[in-house]
Amino acid sequence: MNRRPPAVLERLVSWLVPSGSREHVLGDFSEMYRSPAQYGVEALRTVPLLVIDQVRRKWDGVLVTIEACALLMAFQSAWRFANLPLLRGVSVILCVTWVFVRAASLRAARAINQELDSLDSTKKDQ
């Protein structure tokens, strides 16, 4: 019996699993598939551990500390300028802009890593 998980579930799990282990994890999940509930339980058990492992491997404490300090200073300045709406607005806009820029840079880095992974896999196949 060759049953496959629903495409929606597989796509969701694919989106949550870090790119370095995505192919292996999805393959294992497909082999063990019995029902959507079982697939969901396996994903809920496995995905958090994969994400924690990926964070542990790529953790950069200095960068996180710098980013946390920058955000703290921006929000503190927004709080101090409570009576000056223009400066408070500028501070909040800078904080929000920084968050979006950081998210975009992480997304771009993820895309670059995926491209490099695919290049590595094609070199291994040759």
PDB file of N, CA and C in Angstrom:
ATOM      1  N   MET A   1       0.848  -1.174   0.000  1.00  0.00           N
ATOM      2  CA  MET A   1       0.000   0.000   0.000  1.00  0.00           C
ATOM      3  C   MET A   1       0.898   1.243   0.000  1.00  0.00           C
ATOM      4  N   ASN A   2       0.758   2.049  -1.045  1.00  0.00           N
ATOM      5  CA  ASN A   2       1.617   3.213  -1.225  1.00  0.00           C
ATOM      6  C   ASN A   2       0.825   4.485  -0.956  1.00  0.00           C
ATOM      7  N   ARG A   3       0.675   4.823   0.309  1.00  0.00           N
ATOM      8  CA  ARG A   3      -0.065   6.026   0.687  1.00  0.00           C
ATOM      9  C   ARG A   3       0.919   7.156   0.928  1.00  0.00           C
ATOM     10  N   ARG A   4       0.503   8.341   0.529  1.00  0.00           N
ATOM     11  CA  ARG A   4       1.323   9.535   0.742  1.00  0.00           C
ATOM     12  C   ARG A   4       0.565  10.512   1.630  1.00  0.00           C
ATOM     13  N   PRO A   5       1.293  11.310   2.386  1.00  0.00           N
ATOM     14  CA  PRO A   5       0.620  12.319   3.212  1.00  0.00           C
ATOM     15  C   PRO A   5      -0.037  13.375   2.322  1.00  0.00           C
ATOM     16  N   PRO A   6      -1.064  14.035   2.837  1.00  0.00           N
ATOM     17  CA  PRO A   6      -1.694  15.112   2.067  1.00  0.00           C
ATOM     18  C   PRO A   6      -0.674  16.204   1.735  1.00  0.00           C
ATOM     19  N   ALA A   7      -0.811  16.758   0.537  1.00  0.00           N
ATOM     20  CA  ALA A   7       0.150  17.763   0.066  1.00  0.00           C
ATOM     21  C   ALA A   7       0.210  18.974   0.991  1.00  0.00           C
ATOM     22  N   VAL A   8      -0.924  19.356   1.558  1.00  0.00           N
ATOM     23  CA  VAL A   8      -0.949  20.524   2.447  1.00  0.00           C
ATOM     24  C   VAL A   8      -0.106  20.267   3.696  1.00  0.00           C
ATOM     25  N   LEU A   9      -0.266  19.099   4.300  1.00  0.00           N
ATOM     26  CA  LEU A   9       0.527  18.754   5.486  1.00  0.00           C
ATOM     27  C   LEU A   9       2.010  18.674   5.139  1.00  0.00           C
ATOM     28  N   GLU A  10       2.311  18.045   4.024  1.00  0.00           N
ATOM     29  CA  GLU A  10       3.711  17.890   3.629  1.00  0.00           C
ATOM     30  C   GLU A  10       4.347  19.256   3.352  1.00  0.00           C
ATOM     31  N   ARG A  11       3.602  20.155   2.725  1.00  0.00           N
ATOM     32  CA  ARG A  11       4.112  21.496   2.441  1.00  0.00           C
ATOM     33  C   ARG A  11       4.332  22.280   3.733  1.00  0.00           C
ATOM     34  N   LEU A  12       3.407  22.151   4.677  1.00  0.00           N
ATOM     35  CA  LEU A  12       3.533  22.843   5.957  1.00  0.00           C
ATOM     36  C   LEU A  12       4.767  22.363   6.714  1.00  0.00           C
ATOM     37  N   VAL A  13       4.922  21.054   6.800  1.00  0.00           N
ATOM     38  CA  VAL A  13       6.089  20.503   7.496  1.00  0.00           C
ATOM     39  C   VAL A  13       7.365  20.889   6.756  1.00  0.00           C
ATOM     40  N   SER A  14       7.321  20.877   5.430  1.00  0.00           N
ATOM     41  CA  SER A  14       8.492  21.267   4.632  1.00  0.00           C
ATOM     42  C   SER A  14       8.900  22.700   4.932  1.00  0.00           C
ATOM     43  N   TRP A  15       7.912  23.558   5.140  1.00  0.00           N
ATOM     44  CA  TRP A  15       8.197  24.956   5.439  1.00  0.00           C
ATOM     45  C   TRP A  15       8.810  25.117   6.834  1.00  0.00           C
ATOM     46  N   LEU A  16       8.423  24.248   7.767  1.00  0.00           N
ATOM     47  CA  LEU A  16       8.894  24.364   9.150  1.00  0.00           C
ATOM     48  C   LEU A  16      10.254  23.712   9.389  1.00  0.00           C
ATOM     49  N   VAL A  17      10.590  22.700   8.610  1.00  0.00           N
ATOM     50  CA  VAL A  17      11.830  21.954   8.822  1.00  0.00           C
ATOM     51  C   VAL A  17      13.000  22.738   8.230  1.00  0.00           C
ATOM     52  N   PRO A  18      14.123  22.864   8.964  1.00  0.00           N
ATOM     53  CA  PRO A  18      15.299  23.544   8.423  1.00  0.00           C
ATOM     54  C   PRO A  18      15.779  22.875   7.133  1.00  0.00           C
ATOM     55  N   SER A  19      16.285  23.686   6.217  1.00  0.00           N
ATOM     56  CA  SER A  19      16.616  23.206   4.878  1.00  0.00           C
ATOM     57  C   SER A  19      17.662  22.092   4.875  1.00  0.00           C
ATOM     58  N   GLY A  20      18.586  22.114   5.806  1.00  0.00           N
ATOM     59  CA  GLY A  20      19.640  21.104   5.823  1.00  0.00           C
ATOM     60  C   GLY A  20      19.145  19.688   6.042  1.00  0.00           C
ATOM     61  N   SER A  21      18.047  19.524   6.726  1.00  0.00           N
ATOM     62  CA  SER A  21      17.532  18.183   7.013  1.00  0.00           C
ATOM     63  C   SER A  21      16.156  17.933   6.406  1.00  0.00           C
ATOM     64  N   ARG A  22      15.692  18.847   5.575  1.00  0.00           N
ATOM     65  CA  ARG A  22      14.334  18.770   5.032  1.00  0.00           C
ATOM     66  C   ARG A  22      14.095  17.484   4.236  1.00  0.00           C
ATOM     67  N   GLU A  23      14.980  17.183   3.301  1.00  0.00           N
ATOM     68  CA  GLU A  23      14.770  16.023   2.427  1.00  0.00           C
ATOM     69  C   GLU A  23      14.712  14.725   3.224  1.00  0.00           C
ATOM     70  N   HIS A  24      15.614  14.571   4.179  1.00  0.00           N
ATOM     71  CA  HIS A  24      15.658  13.347   4.981  1.00  0.00           C
ATOM     72  C   HIS A  24      14.415  13.217   5.865  1.00  0.00           C
ATOM     73  N   VAL A  25      14.040  14.304   6.503  1.00  0.00           N
ATOM     74  CA  VAL A  25      12.891  14.271   7.414  1.00  0.00           C
ATOM     75  C   VAL A  25      11.606  13.977   6.643  1.00  0.00           C
ATOM     76  N   LEU A  26      11.406  14.667   5.527  1.00  0.00           N
ATOM     77  CA  LEU A  26      10.190  14.432   4.742  1.00  0.00           C
ATOM     78  C   LEU A  26      10.153  13.010   4.193  1.00  0.00           C
ATOM     79  N   GLY A  27      11.312  12.496   3.812  1.00  0.00           N
ATOM     80  CA  GLY A  27      11.368  11.106   3.347  1.00  0.00           C
ATOM     81  C   GLY A  27      10.993  10.132   4.451  1.00  0.00           C
ATOM     82  N   ASP A  28      11.536  10.351   5.635  1.00  0.00           N
ATOM     83  CA  ASP A  28      11.206   9.480   6.773  1.00  0.00           C
ATOM     84  C   ASP A  28       9.727   9.578   7.129  1.00  0.00           C
ATOM     85  N   PHE A  29       9.196  10.798   7.131  1.00  0.00           N
ATOM     86  CA  PHE A  29       7.775  10.974   7.436  1.00  0.00           C
ATOM     87  C   PHE A  29       6.900  10.270   6.399  1.00  0.00           C
ATOM     88  N   SER A  30       7.292  10.348   5.125  1.00  0.00           N
ATOM     89  CA  SER A  30       6.510   9.686   4.077  1.00  0.00           C
ATOM     90  C   SER A  30       6.538   8.166   4.237  1.00  0.00           C
ATOM     91  N   GLU A  31       7.694   7.633   4.615  1.00  0.00           N
ATOM     92  CA  GLU A  31       7.801   6.180   4.811  1.00  0.00           C
ATOM     93  C   GLU A  31       6.945   5.710   5.987  1.00  0.00           C
ATOM     94  N   MET A  32       6.866   6.514   7.034  1.00  0.00           N
ATOM     95  CA  MET A  32       6.130   6.120   8.232  1.00  0.00           C
ATOM     96  C   MET A  32       4.656   6.510   8.175  1.00  0.00           C
ATOM     97  N   TYR A  33       4.214   7.144   7.098  1.00  0.00           N
ATOM     98  CA  TYR A  33       2.857   7.707   7.040  1.00  0.00           C
ATOM     99  C   TYR A  33       1.794   6.615   7.159  1.00  0.00           C
ATOM    100  N   ARG A  34       0.857   6.851   8.078  1.00  0.00           N
ATOM    101  CA  ARG A  34      -0.315   5.986   8.243  1.00  0.00           C
ATOM    102  C   ARG A  34      -1.603   6.788   8.165  1.00  0.00           C
ATOM    103  N   SER A  35      -1.600   7.983   8.763  1.00  0.00           N
ATOM    104  CA  SER A  35      -2.797   8.822   8.759  1.00  0.00           C
ATOM    105  C   SER A  35      -2.377  10.280   8.955  1.00  0.00           C
ATOM    106  N   PRO A  36      -3.245  11.226   8.616  1.00  0.00           N
ATOM    107  CA  PRO A  36      -2.905  12.638   8.831  1.00  0.00           C
ATOM    108  C   PRO A  36      -2.621  12.957  10.302  1.00  0.00           C
ATOM    109  N   ALA A  37      -3.357  12.327  11.211  1.00  0.00           N
ATOM    110  CA  ALA A  37      -3.133  12.584  12.642  1.00  0.00           C
ATOM    111  C   ALA A  37      -1.752  12.102  13.067  1.00  0.00           C
ATOM    112  N   GLN A  38      -1.384  10.904  12.622  1.00  0.00           N
ATOM    113  CA  GLN A  38      -0.065  10.355  12.964  1.00  0.00           C
ATOM    114  C   GLN A  38       1.039  11.239  12.383  1.00  0.00           C
ATOM    115  N   TYR A  39       0.846  11.718  11.152  1.00  0.00           N
ATOM    116  CA  TYR A  39       1.823  12.595  10.499  1.00  0.00           C
ATOM    117  C   TYR A  39       1.976  13.888  11.297  1.00  0.00           C
ATOM    118  N   GLY A  40       0.838  14.451  11.733  1.00  0.00           N
ATOM    119  CA  GLY A  40       0.881  15.671  12.525  1.00  0.00           C
ATOM    120  C   GLY A  40       1.578  15.490  13.862  1.00  0.00           C
ATOM    121  N   VAL A  41       1.317  14.355  14.522  1.00  0.00           N
ATOM    122  CA  VAL A  41       1.958  14.076  15.808  1.00  0.00           C
ATOM    123  C   VAL A  41       3.472  13.934  15.622  1.00  0.00           C
ATOM    124  N   GLU A  42       3.873  13.202  14.574  1.00  0.00           N
ATOM    125  CA  GLU A  42       5.313  13.059  14.308  1.00  0.00           C
ATOM    126  C   GLU A  42       5.961  14.415  14.033  1.00  0.00           C
ATOM    127  N   ALA A  43       5.271  15.258  13.272  1.00  0.00           N
ATOM    128  CA  ALA A  43       5.808  16.586  12.975  1.00  0.00           C
ATOM    129  C   ALA A  43       5.917  17.424  14.245  1.00  0.00           C
ATOM    130  N   LEU A  44       4.888  17.374  15.093  1.00  0.00           N
ATOM    131  CA  LEU A  44       4.925  18.140  16.340  1.00  0.00           C
ATOM    132  C   LEU A  44       6.022  17.662  17.283  1.00  0.00           C
ATOM    133  N   ARG A  45       6.344  16.378  17.214  1.00  0.00           N
ATOM    134  CA  ARG A  45       7.425  15.846  18.054  1.00  0.00           C
ATOM    135  C   ARG A  45       8.792  16.168  17.494  1.00  0.00           C
ATOM    136  N   THR A  46       8.925  16.174  16.172  1.00  0.00           N
ATOM    137  CA  THR A  46      10.239  16.251  15.547  1.00  0.00           C
ATOM    138  C   THR A  46      10.682  17.664  15.208  1.00  0.00           C
ATOM    139  N   VAL A  47       9.798  18.485  14.653  1.00  0.00           N
ATOM    140  CA  VAL A  47      10.176  19.804  14.149  1.00  0.00           C
ATOM    141  C   VAL A  47      10.786  20.699  15.238  1.00  0.00           C
ATOM    142  N   PRO A  48      10.208  20.784  16.442  1.00  0.00           N
ATOM    143  CA  PRO A  48      10.852  21.640  17.452  1.00  0.00           C
ATOM    144  C   PRO A  48      12.285  21.203  17.777  1.00  0.00           C
ATOM    145  N   LEU A  49      12.530  19.901  17.805  1.00  0.00           N
ATOM    146  CA  LEU A  49      13.883  19.417  18.089  1.00  0.00           C
ATOM    147  C   LEU A  49      14.845  19.786  16.965  1.00  0.00           C
ATOM    148  N   LEU A  50      14.378  19.715  15.722  1.00  0.00           N
ATOM    149  CA  LEU A  50      15.223  20.104  14.589  1.00  0.00           C
ATOM    150  C   LEU A  50      15.551  21.592  14.624  1.00  0.00           C
ATOM    151  N   VAL A  51      14.554  22.400  14.956  1.00  0.00           N
ATOM    152  CA  VAL A  51      14.777  23.844  15.015  1.00  0.00           C
ATOM    153  C   VAL A  51      15.745  24.188  16.145  1.00  0.00           C
ATOM    154  N   ILE A  52      15.569  23.565  17.292  1.00  0.00           N
ATOM    155  CA  ILE A  52      16.478  23.806  18.428  1.00  0.00           C
ATOM    156  C   ILE A  52      17.895  23.395  18.060  1.00  0.00           C
ATOM    157  N   ASP A  53      18.031  22.259  17.385  1.00  0.00           N
ATOM    158  CA  ASP A  53      19.351  21.799  16.965  1.00  0.00           C
ATOM    159  C   ASP A  53      19.986  22.788  15.988  1.00  0.00           C
ATOM    160  N   GLN A  54      19.197  23.302  15.063  1.00  0.00           N
ATOM    161  CA  GLN A  54      19.721  24.265  14.090  1.00  0.00           C
ATOM    162  C   GLN A  54      20.126  25.564  14.774  1.00  0.00           C
ATOM    163  N   VAL A  55      19.336  26.026  15.719  1.00  0.00           N
ATOM    164  CA  VAL A  55      19.679  27.247  16.458  1.00  0.00           C
ATOM    165  C   VAL A  55      20.957  27.030  17.257  1.00  0.00           C
ATOM    166  N   ARG A  56      21.062  25.875  17.884  1.00  0.00           N
ATOM    167  CA  ARG A  56      22.252  25.565  18.675  1.00  0.00           C
ATOM    168  C   ARG A  56      23.516  25.569  17.805  1.00  0.00           C
ATOM    169  N   ARG A  57      23.402  25.059  16.603  1.00  0.00           N
ATOM    170  CA  ARG A  57      24.566  25.003  15.712  1.00  0.00           C
ATOM    171  C   ARG A  57      24.962  26.369  15.172  1.00  0.00           C
ATOM    172  N   LYS A  58      23.971  27.220  14.906  1.00  0.00           N
ATOM    173  CA  LYS A  58      24.261  28.482  14.232  1.00  0.00           C
ATOM    174  C   LYS A  58      24.165  29.690  15.155  1.00  0.00           C
ATOM    175  N   TRP A  59      24.107  29.486  16.431  1.00  0.00           N
ATOM    176  CA  TRP A  59      23.951  30.561  17.406  1.00  0.00           C
ATOM    177  C   TRP A  59      25.156  31.482  17.367  1.00  0.00           C
ATOM    178  N   ASP A  60      24.909  32.768  17.289  1.00  0.00           N
ATOM    179  CA  ASP A  60      25.959  33.771  17.357  1.00  0.00           C
ATOM    180  C   ASP A  60      25.590  34.718  18.488  1.00  0.00           C
ATOM    181  N   GLY A  61      26.107  34.428  19.665  1.00  0.00           N
ATOM    182  CA  GLY A  61      25.746  35.178  20.860  1.00  0.00           C
ATOM    183  C   GLY A  61      26.064  36.647  20.777  1.00  0.00           C
ATOM    184  N   VAL A  62      27.191  37.004  20.155  1.00  0.00           N
ATOM    185  CA  VAL A  62      27.576  38.407  20.051  1.00  0.00           C
ATOM    186  C   VAL A  62      26.572  39.161  19.186  1.00  0.00           C
ATOM    187  N   LEU A  63      26.199  38.574  18.046  1.00  0.00           N
ATOM    188  CA  LEU A  63      25.243  39.232  17.159  1.00  0.00           C
ATOM    189  C   LEU A  63      23.890  39.395  17.831  1.00  0.00           C
ATOM    190  N   VAL A  64      23.433  38.380  18.521  1.00  0.00           N
ATOM    191  CA  VAL A  64      22.143  38.464  19.206  1.00  0.00           C
ATOM    192  C   VAL A  64      22.188  39.531  20.297  1.00  0.00           C
ATOM    193  N   THR A  65      23.294  39.626  21.014  1.00  0.00           N
ATOM    194  CA  THR A  65      23.437  40.634  22.060  1.00  0.00           C
ATOM    195  C   THR A  65      23.400  42.042  21.468  1.00  0.00           C
ATOM    196  N   ILE A  66      24.103  42.237  20.359  1.00  0.00           N
ATOM    197  CA  ILE A  66      24.108  43.554  19.711  1.00  0.00           C
ATOM    198  C   ILE A  66      22.703  43.922  19.247  1.00  0.00           C
ATOM    199  N   GLU A  67      22.008  42.965  18.624  1.00  0.00           N
ATOM    200  CA  GLU A  67      20.650  43.243  18.147  1.00  0.00           C
ATOM    201  C   GLU A  67      19.710  43.546  19.316  1.00  0.00           C
ATOM    202  N   ALA A  68      19.843  42.795  20.401  1.00  0.00           N
ATOM    203  CA  ALA A  68      18.987  43.029  21.565  1.00  0.00           C
ATOM    204  C   ALA A  68      19.242  44.414  22.151  1.00  0.00           C
ATOM    205  N   CYS A  69      20.505  44.809  22.230  1.00  0.00           N
ATOM    206  CA  CYS A  69      20.827  46.147  22.754  1.00  0.00           C
ATOM    207  C   CYS A  69      20.280  47.247  21.839  1.00  0.00           C
ATOM    208  N   ALA A  70      20.382  47.057  20.539  1.00  0.00           N
ATOM    209  CA  ALA A  70      19.868  48.058  19.606  1.00  0.00           C
ATOM    210  C   ALA A  70      18.359  48.202  19.757  1.00  0.00           C
ATOM    211  N   LEU A  71      17.648  47.082  19.849  1.00  0.00           N
ATOM    212  CA  LEU A  71      16.203  47.151  20.034  1.00  0.00           C
ATOM    213  C   LEU A  71      15.837  47.785  21.371  1.00  0.00           C
ATOM    214  N   LEU A  72      16.567  47.422  22.417  1.00  0.00           N
ATOM    215  CA  LEU A  72      16.301  47.992  23.737  1.00  0.00           C
ATOM    216  C   LEU A  72      16.476  49.505  23.718  1.00  0.00           C
ATOM    217  N   MET A  73      17.563  49.982  23.120  1.00  0.00           N
ATOM    218  CA  MET A  73      17.798  51.425  23.059  1.00  0.00           C
ATOM    219  C   MET A  73      16.717  52.127  22.237  1.00  0.00           C
ATOM    220  N   ALA A  74      16.299  51.498  21.146  1.00  0.00           N
ATOM    221  CA  ALA A  74      15.266  52.121  20.312  1.00  0.00           C
ATOM    222  C   ALA A  74      13.944  52.224  21.070  1.00  0.00           C
ATOM    223  N   PHE A  75      13.558  51.155  21.761  1.00  0.00           N
ATOM    224  CA  PHE A  75      12.297  51.203  22.504  1.00  0.00           C
ATOM    225  C   PHE A  75      12.387  52.128  23.716  1.00  0.00           C
ATOM    226  N   GLN A  76      13.560  52.188  24.354  1.00  0.00           N
ATOM    227  CA  GLN A  76      13.722  53.122  25.469  1.00  0.00           C
ATOM    228  C   GLN A  76      13.606  54.563  24.987  1.00  0.00           C
ATOM    229  N   SER A  77      14.202  54.852  23.827  1.00  0.00           N
ATOM    230  CA  SER A  77      14.101  56.220  23.318  1.00  0.00           C
ATOM    231  C   SER A  77      12.661  56.537  22.936  1.00  0.00           C
ATOM    232  N   ALA A  78      11.928  55.551  22.411  1.00  0.00           N
ATOM    233  CA  ALA A  78      10.513  55.771  22.097  1.00  0.00           C
ATOM    234  C   ALA A  78       9.738  56.070  23.379  1.00  0.00           C
ATOM    235  N   TRP A  79      10.079  55.390  24.464  1.00  0.00           N
ATOM    236  CA  TRP A  79       9.398  55.605  25.744  1.00  0.00           C
ATOM    237  C   TRP A  79       9.727  56.995  26.300  1.00  0.00           C
ATOM    238  N   ARG A  80      10.997  57.400  26.187  1.00  0.00           N
ATOM    239  CA  ARG A  80      11.403  58.704  26.707  1.00  0.00           C
ATOM    240  C   ARG A  80      10.742  59.851  25.959  1.00  0.00           C
ATOM    241  N   PHE A  81      10.526  59.646  24.670  1.00  0.00           N
ATOM    242  CA  PHE A  81       9.944  60.694  23.847  1.00  0.00           C
ATOM    243  C   PHE A  81       8.419  60.623  23.830  1.00  0.00           C
ATOM    244  N   ALA A  82       7.832  60.110  24.899  1.00  0.00           N
ATOM    245  CA  ALA A  82       6.371  59.966  24.951  1.00  0.00           C
ATOM    246  C   ALA A  82       5.672  61.309  24.814  1.00  0.00           C
ATOM    247  N   ASN A  83       6.285  62.368  25.334  1.00  0.00           N
ATOM    248  CA  ASN A  83       5.674  63.696  25.257  1.00  0.00           C
ATOM    249  C   ASN A  83       5.991  64.400  23.935  1.00  0.00           C
ATOM    250  N   LEU A  84       6.907  63.842  23.167  1.00  0.00           N
ATOM    251  CA  LEU A  84       7.268  64.431  21.878  1.00  0.00           C
ATOM    252  C   LEU A  84       6.856  63.451  20.778  1.00  0.00           C
ATOM    253  N   PRO A  85       5.636  63.568  20.288  1.00  0.00           N
ATOM    254  CA  PRO A  85       5.094  62.567  19.365  1.00  0.00           C
ATOM    255  C   PRO A  85       5.938  62.357  18.118  1.00  0.00           C
ATOM    256  N   LEU A  86       6.557  63.403  17.595  1.00  0.00           N
ATOM    257  CA  LEU A  86       7.343  63.252  16.379  1.00  0.00           C
ATOM    258  C   LEU A  86       8.551  62.358  16.618  1.00  0.00           C
ATOM    259  N   LEU A  87       9.296  62.624  17.694  1.00  0.00           N
ATOM    260  CA  LEU A  87      10.476  61.806  17.985  1.00  0.00           C
ATOM    261  C   LEU A  87      10.078  60.381  18.369  1.00  0.00           C
ATOM    262  N   ARG A  88       8.979  60.266  19.095  1.00  0.00           N
ATOM    263  CA  ARG A  88       8.497  58.939  19.456  1.00  0.00           C
ATOM    264  C   ARG A  88       8.121  58.169  18.193  1.00  0.00           C
ATOM    265  N   GLY A  89       7.441  58.828  17.276  1.00  0.00           N
ATOM    266  CA  GLY A  89       7.059  58.187  16.019  1.00  0.00           C
ATOM    267  C   GLY A  89       8.264  57.751  15.215  1.00  0.00           C
ATOM    268  N   VAL A  90       9.279  58.605  15.157  1.00  0.00           N
ATOM    269  CA  VAL A  90      10.502  58.262  14.424  1.00  0.00           C
ATOM    270  C   VAL A  90      11.174  57.052  15.067  1.00  0.00           C
ATOM    271  N   SER A  91      11.220  57.017  16.385  1.00  0.00           N
ATOM    272  CA  SER A  91      11.838  55.884  17.077  1.00  0.00           C
ATOM    273  C   SER A  91      11.096  54.586  16.791  1.00  0.00           C
ATOM    274  N   VAL A  92       9.780  54.637  16.845  1.00  0.00           N
ATOM    275  CA  VAL A  92       8.985  53.437  16.578  1.00  0.00           C
ATOM    276  C   VAL A  92       9.160  53.007  15.129  1.00  0.00           C
ATOM    277  N   ILE A  93       9.171  53.957  14.209  1.00  0.00           N
ATOM    278  CA  ILE A  93       9.363  53.624  12.792  1.00  0.00           C
ATOM    279  C   ILE A  93      10.724  52.978  12.580  1.00  0.00           C
ATOM    280  N   LEU A  94      11.747  53.492  13.235  1.00  0.00           N
ATOM    281  CA  LEU A  94      13.079  52.881  13.106  1.00  0.00           C
ATOM    282  C   LEU A  94      13.098  51.461  13.661  1.00  0.00           C
ATOM    283  N   CYS A  95      12.440  51.236  14.794  1.00  0.00           N
ATOM    284  CA  CYS A  95      12.376  49.889  15.371  1.00  0.00           C
ATOM    285  C   CYS A  95      11.680  48.922  14.418  1.00  0.00           C
ATOM    286  N   VAL A  96      10.539  49.327  13.916  1.00  0.00           N
ATOM    287  CA  VAL A  96       9.776  48.456  13.023  1.00  0.00           C
ATOM    288  C   VAL A  96      10.550  48.205  11.733  1.00  0.00           C
ATOM    289  N   THR A  97      11.166  49.249  11.198  1.00  0.00           N
ATOM    290  CA  THR A  97      11.962  49.091   9.982  1.00  0.00           C
ATOM    291  C   THR A  97      13.115  48.129  10.215  1.00  0.00           C
ATOM    292  N   TRP A  98      13.772  48.259  11.347  1.00  0.00           N
ATOM    293  CA  TRP A  98      14.879  47.358  11.647  1.00  0.00           C
ATOM    294  C   TRP A  98      14.403  45.911  11.711  1.00  0.00           C
ATOM    295  N   VAL A  99      13.261  45.674  12.339  1.00  0.00           N
ATOM    296  CA  VAL A  99      12.735  44.309  12.433  1.00  0.00           C
ATOM    297  C   VAL A  99      12.456  43.756  11.045  1.00  0.00           C
ATOM    298  N   PHE A 100      11.843  44.555  10.171  1.00  0.00           N
ATOM    299  CA  PHE A 100      11.545  44.077   8.825  1.00  0.00           C
ATOM    300  C   PHE A 100      12.812  43.850   8.009  1.00  0.00           C
ATOM    301  N   VAL A 101      13.789  44.737   8.147  1.00  0.00           N
ATOM    302  CA  VAL A 101      15.057  44.553   7.429  1.00  0.00           C
ATOM    303  C   VAL A 101      15.751  43.293   7.908  1.00  0.00           C
ATOM    304  N   ARG A 102      15.743  43.067   9.193  1.00  0.00           N
ATOM    305  CA  ARG A 102      16.369  41.860   9.749  1.00  0.00           C
ATOM    306  C   ARG A 102      15.656  40.605   9.246  1.00  0.00           C
ATOM    307  N   ALA A 103      14.331  40.642   9.230  1.00  0.00           N
ATOM    308  CA  ALA A 103      13.571  39.489   8.730  1.00  0.00           C
ATOM    309  C   ALA A 103      13.875  39.243   7.256  1.00  0.00           C
ATOM    310  N   ALA A 104      13.962  40.319   6.474  1.00  0.00           N
ATOM    311  CA  ALA A 104      14.268  40.161   5.045  1.00  0.00           C
ATOM    312  C   ALA A 104      15.672  39.608   4.849  1.00  0.00           C
ATOM    313  N   SER A 105      16.627  40.055   5.653  1.00  0.00           N
ATOM    314  CA  SER A 105      17.991  39.540   5.499  1.00  0.00           C
ATOM    315  C   SER A 105      18.065  38.071   5.897  1.00  0.00           C
ATOM    316  N   LEU A 106      17.306  37.677   6.913  1.00  0.00           N
ATOM    317  CA  LEU A 106      17.276  36.261   7.279  1.00  0.00           C
ATOM    318  C   LEU A 106      16.641  35.431   6.176  1.00  0.00           C
ATOM    319  N   ARG A 107      15.585  35.946   5.567  1.00  0.00           N
ATOM    320  CA  ARG A 107      14.933  35.237   4.461  1.00  0.00           C
ATOM    321  C   ARG A 107      15.897  35.105   3.278  1.00  0.00           C
ATOM    322  N   ALA A 108      16.641  36.178   2.984  1.00  0.00           N
ATOM    323  CA  ALA A 108      17.603  36.122   1.883  1.00  0.00           C
ATOM    324  C   ALA A 108      18.717  35.130   2.187  1.00  0.00           C
ATOM    325  N   ALA A 109      19.183  35.129   3.431  1.00  0.00           N
ATOM    326  CA  ALA A 109      20.226  34.174   3.806  1.00  0.00           C
ATOM    327  C   ALA A 109      19.721  32.744   3.691  1.00  0.00           C
ATOM    328  N   ARG A 110      18.471  32.530   4.055  1.00  0.00           N
ATOM    329  CA  ARG A 110      17.886  31.191   3.945  1.00  0.00           C
ATOM    330  C   ARG A 110      17.816  30.763   2.478  1.00  0.00           C
ATOM    331  N   ALA A 111      17.433  31.682   1.587  1.00  0.00           N
ATOM    332  CA  ALA A 111      17.365  31.368   0.162  1.00  0.00           C
ATOM    333  C   ALA A 111      18.748  31.046  -0.392  1.00  0.00           C
ATOM    334  N   ILE A 112      19.746  31.802   0.041  1.00  0.00           N
ATOM    335  CA  ILE A 112      21.120  31.540  -0.412  1.00  0.00           C
ATOM    336  C   ILE A 112      21.585  30.177   0.085  1.00  0.00           C
ATOM    337  N   ASN A 113      21.290  29.852   1.342  1.00  0.00           N
ATOM    338  CA  ASN A 113      21.674  28.539   1.877  1.00  0.00           C
ATOM    339  C   ASN A 113      20.992  27.416   1.130  1.00  0.00           C
ATOM    340  N   GLN A 114      19.723  27.589   0.761  1.00  0.00           N
ATOM    341  CA  GLN A 114      19.018  26.566   0.000  1.00  0.00           C
ATOM    342  C   GLN A 114      19.658  26.381  -1.367  1.00  0.00           C
ATOM    343  N   GLU A 115      20.036  27.485  -2.001  1.00  0.00           N
ATOM    344  CA  GLU A 115      20.688  27.400  -3.308  1.00  0.00           C
ATOM    345  C   GLU A 115      22.028  26.683  -3.192  1.00  0.00           C
ATOM    346  N   LEU A 116      22.791  27.011  -2.161  1.00  0.00           N
ATOM    347  CA  LEU A 116      24.076  26.336  -1.956  1.00  0.00           C
ATOM    348  C   LEU A 116      23.884  24.852  -1.671  1.00  0.00           C
ATOM    349  N   ASP A 117      22.855  24.509  -0.888  1.00  0.00           N
ATOM    350  CA  ASP A 117      22.560  23.102  -0.615  1.00  0.00           C
ATOM    351  C   ASP A 117      22.217  22.365  -1.895  1.00  0.00           C
ATOM    352  N   SER A 118      21.436  23.000  -2.762  1.00  0.00           N
ATOM    353  CA  SER A 118      21.063  22.331  -4.016  1.00  0.00           C
ATOM    354  C   SER A 118      22.277  22.182  -4.924  1.00  0.00           C
ATOM    355  N   LEU A 119      23.181  23.166  -4.927  1.00  0.00           N
ATOM    356  CA  LEU A 119      24.408  23.044  -5.715  1.00  0.00           C
ATOM    357  C   LEU A 119      25.278  21.900  -5.179  1.00  0.00           C
ATOM    358  N   ASP A 120      25.374  21.802  -3.854  1.00  0.00           N
ATOM    359  CA  ASP A 120      26.149  20.732  -3.250  1.00  0.00           C
ATOM    360  C   ASP A 120      25.574  19.361  -3.597  1.00  0.00           C
ATOM    361  N   SER A 121      24.250  19.256  -3.574  1.00  0.00           N
ATOM    362  CA  SER A 121      23.627  17.962  -3.880  1.00  0.00           C
ATOM    363  C   SER A 121      23.809  17.590  -5.343  1.00  0.00           C
ATOM    364  N   THR A 122      23.814  18.591  -6.265  1.00  0.00           N
ATOM    365  CA  THR A 122      24.041  18.266  -7.668  1.00  0.00           C
ATOM    366  C   THR A 122      25.488  17.863  -7.909  1.00  0.00           C
ATOM    367  N   LYS A 123      26.421  18.450  -7.167  1.00  0.00           N
ATOM    368  CA  LYS A 123      27.831  18.047  -7.302  1.00  0.00           C
ATOM    369  C   LYS A 123      28.031  16.627  -6.800  1.00  0.00           C
ATOM    370  N   LYS A 124      27.324  16.268  -5.723  1.00  0.00           N
ATOM    371  CA  LYS A 124      27.447  14.911  -5.189  1.00  0.00           C
ATOM    372  C   LYS A 124      26.861  13.894  -6.154  1.00  0.00           C
ATOM    373  N   ASP A 125      25.808  14.288  -6.880  1.00  0.00           N
ATOM    374  CA  ASP A 125      25.167  13.373  -7.829  1.00  0.00           C
ATOM    375  C   ASP A 125      26.046  13.114  -9.036  1.00  0.00           C
ATOM    376  N   GLN A 126      26.915  14.048  -9.372  1.00  0.00           N
ATOM    377  CA  GLN A 126      27.754  13.884 -10.582  1.00  0.00           C
ATOM    378  C   GLN A 126      28.937  13.034 -10.351  1.00  0.00           C
TER     379      GLN A 126
END
